[in-house]
Structures are given as structure tokens and as C-alpha cells.
Amino acid sequence: MSSNGRDSGSIVLGWLTKLMVILLLSGVVLFDFVSVGVAHMSASDDANTAAQAAACDWTHQHSVQSAYDAAVSAISSPAERVLVRGFQIDNDGSVHLLLRRDVTTLVAYRIGPLKKYTVAIAHGEAVPCTL
């Protein structure tokens, strides 16, 4: 009877170990998905903030370089950058830009095929500032 008790104890321990591994892996995957989702939303807000800064600068300076610099200065995250190719000022002073944010996750950014999901490209736009 004592060996039967030990067998049932190791069965329970085996199931607990498998359950903990599954929970751990599920947690890591969930954390990565949440990180990527939050980064996309945050990047969109930051892109609009940068575009607004550029539009206000354009209203006062009328210099594309100065407006671009204002957009770059409005970005506070080192993981974000305003893309030069996506920066545009319309004739009416509206600003359109693309912002790239690299998302650091626990696992996804280290795996080649998943790396593309850890880059958020957000479009920002703003109407001209009123003086």
C-alpha cells in the first residue's frame, strides 16, 4: 500500500508540474500580446501629438525642417521615431506623419518570424494651429 501512495503522489506532482508549465507559457504569450496591443495604441497617440507639435511649429516658422524637428522633440519614448519618408505638410498647413515604435516583449521580438509583430507603425495627423 505504501508504494501505491507514492505512485499517486508522483502522479499528482506530475500533473501539477505540467499545469504550472502551461500556466507559465500562457502568461508569457498573454504578456507579449498585451505589450504589442498597448504599444500600438500608445504609438497612435504619440504620432498625433508629434503631428500637432509639427503643425504648430509650421504655423510659426514655415520651415519643414523646423516642423520635423518639433515632431521629433515631441516624442518622449526612445523606442519611437518619426519616419522621414512619412512626414508631409499640406498646402493648408495640415501635417501627416508616420511614427515607428519598436516593441520590446519577453519572447516575440527574439523570434525571427514573430519580429514583424513587434514593430508598430502609427499614422498621425493634425490640422494647422490657430495663432
Protein backbone atom coordinates (compact mmCIF):
# COMPACT_ATOMS: atom_id res chain seq x y z
CA MET A 1 0.00 0.00 0.00
CA SER A 2 2.88 2.38 0.64
CA SER A 3 4.16 2.12 -2.94
CA ASN A 4 0.65 2.86 -4.21
CA GLY A 5 0.60 6.02 -2.07
CA ARG A 6 3.93 7.10 -3.54
CA ASP A 7 2.68 6.44 -7.07
CA SER A 8 -0.39 8.63 -6.59
CA GLY A 9 1.84 11.35 -5.10
CA SER A 10 4.11 11.35 -8.13
CA ILE A 11 1.08 11.39 -10.45
CA VAL A 12 -0.23 14.48 -8.66
CA LEU A 13 3.22 16.08 -8.75
CA GLY A 14 3.49 15.32 -12.48
CA TRP A 15 0.12 16.92 -13.20
CA LEU A 16 0.96 19.96 -11.07
CA THR A 17 4.25 20.39 -12.91
CA LYS A 18 2.52 20.21 -16.30
CA LEU A 19 -0.14 22.65 -15.15
CA MET A 20 2.48 25.14 -13.91
CA VAL A 21 4.41 24.95 -17.19
CA ILE A 22 1.22 25.53 -19.19
CA LEU A 23 0.25 28.47 -16.98
CA LEU A 24 3.72 29.97 -17.28
CA LEU A 25 3.77 29.69 -21.08
CA SER A 26 0.25 31.07 -21.32
CA GLY A 27 1.26 34.02 -19.15
CA VAL A 28 4.27 34.83 -21.31
CA VAL A 29 2.21 34.69 -24.51
CA LEU A 30 -0.54 36.82 -22.96
CA PHE A 31 2.01 39.38 -21.73
CA ASP A 32 3.52 39.64 -25.21
CA PHE A 33 0.11 40.14 -26.85
CA VAL A 34 -0.86 42.81 -24.32
CA SER A 35 2.50 44.57 -24.75
CA VAL A 36 2.08 44.71 -28.51
CA GLY A 37 -1.53 45.94 -28.25
CA VAL A 38 -0.68 48.68 -25.77
CA ALA A 39 2.29 49.77 -27.89
CA HIS A 40 0.09 50.14 -30.98
CA MET A 41 -2.41 52.31 -29.10
CA SER A 42 0.31 54.38 -27.45
CA ALA A 43 2.14 54.87 -30.75
CA SER A 44 -1.04 56.22 -32.34
CA ASP A 45 -1.46 58.78 -29.57
CA ASP A 46 2.20 59.76 -29.76
CA ALA A 47 2.00 60.13 -33.55
CA ASN A 48 -0.91 62.56 -33.24
CA THR A 49 0.95 64.51 -30.54
CA ALA A 50 4.03 64.77 -32.78
CA ALA A 51 1.90 65.86 -35.73
CA GLN A 52 0.27 68.57 -33.60
CA ALA A 53 3.67 69.85 -32.49
CA ALA A 54 4.83 69.95 -36.12
CA ALA A 55 1.67 71.75 -37.24
CA CYS A 56 2.09 74.42 -34.57
CA ASP A 57 5.75 74.88 -35.45
CA TRP A 58 4.89 75.13 -39.16
CA THR A 59 2.34 77.86 -38.37
CA HIS A 60 5.04 79.95 -36.70
CA GLN A 61 8.22 79.07 -38.62
CA HIS A 62 7.13 77.90 -42.10
CA SER A 63 10.16 75.62 -42.20
CA VAL A 64 9.78 71.92 -42.99
CA GLN A 65 12.97 71.05 -41.11
CA SER A 66 11.87 73.01 -38.06
CA ALA A 67 8.44 71.33 -38.12
CA TYR A 68 10.06 67.91 -38.43
CA ASP A 69 12.39 68.72 -35.53
CA ALA A 70 9.37 69.78 -33.44
CA ALA A 71 7.68 66.45 -34.18
CA VAL A 72 10.82 64.56 -33.16
CA SER A 73 11.11 66.61 -29.97
CA ALA A 74 7.50 65.82 -29.05
CA ILE A 75 8.34 62.10 -28.93
CA SER A 76 9.33 61.06 -25.42
CA SER A 77 9.96 57.34 -25.92
CA PRO A 78 13.40 56.22 -27.09
CA ALA A 79 11.70 53.29 -28.85
CA GLU A 80 9.88 55.69 -31.20
CA ARG A 81 10.99 57.72 -34.17
CA VAL A 82 9.31 59.88 -36.79
CA LEU A 83 9.91 58.46 -40.26
CA VAL A 84 11.30 60.99 -42.72
CA ARG A 85 9.53 59.36 -45.68
CA GLY A 86 6.17 59.61 -43.93
CA PHE A 87 6.42 63.30 -43.00
CA GLN A 88 4.26 65.61 -45.09
CA ILE A 89 2.85 69.12 -44.75
CA ASP A 90 -0.14 70.01 -46.91
CA ASN A 91 -0.70 73.42 -48.51
CA ASP A 92 -3.20 74.32 -45.77
CA GLY A 93 -0.64 73.52 -43.04
CA SER A 94 -2.04 70.11 -42.06
CA VAL A 95 0.64 67.65 -41.02
CA HIS A 96 0.70 63.91 -41.75
CA LEU A 97 3.43 61.67 -40.40
CA LEU A 98 4.37 58.09 -39.72
CA LEU A 99 5.83 57.05 -36.40
CA ARG A 100 7.65 53.77 -35.85
CA ARG A 101 7.72 52.15 -32.43
CA ASP A 102 9.81 49.07 -31.67
CA VAL A 103 8.10 46.96 -29.02
CA THR A 104 10.25 45.02 -26.59
CA THR A 105 8.43 41.88 -25.46
CA LEU A 106 9.52 38.90 -23.41
CA VAL A 107 9.75 36.46 -26.31
CA ALA A 108 8.25 37.68 -29.60
CA TYR A 109 10.97 40.15 -30.58
CA ARG A 110 13.62 37.43 -30.18
CA ILE A 111 11.94 35.04 -32.63
CA GLY A 112 12.53 35.83 -36.30
CA PRO A 113 9.06 35.11 -37.75
CA LEU A 114 7.36 36.97 -34.88
CA LYS A 115 9.63 40.03 -35.01
CA LYS A 116 7.42 41.79 -37.54
CA TYR A 117 4.63 41.94 -34.95
CA THR A 118 6.83 43.89 -32.56
CA VAL A 119 7.02 46.94 -34.83
CA ALA A 120 4.15 49.41 -34.66
CA ILE A 121 3.73 51.95 -37.45
CA ALA A 122 1.26 54.66 -36.50
CA HIS A 123 -0.16 57.43 -38.64
CA GLY A 124 -0.52 60.84 -37.05
CA GLU A 125 -2.21 63.90 -38.42
CA ALA A 126 -3.04 67.37 -37.21
CA VAL A 127 -4.76 70.44 -38.57
CA PRO A 128 -2.93 73.76 -38.58
CA CYS A 129 -2.58 75.54 -35.25
CA THR A 130 -4.57 78.69 -34.70
CA LEU A 131 -2.48 81.73 -33.90
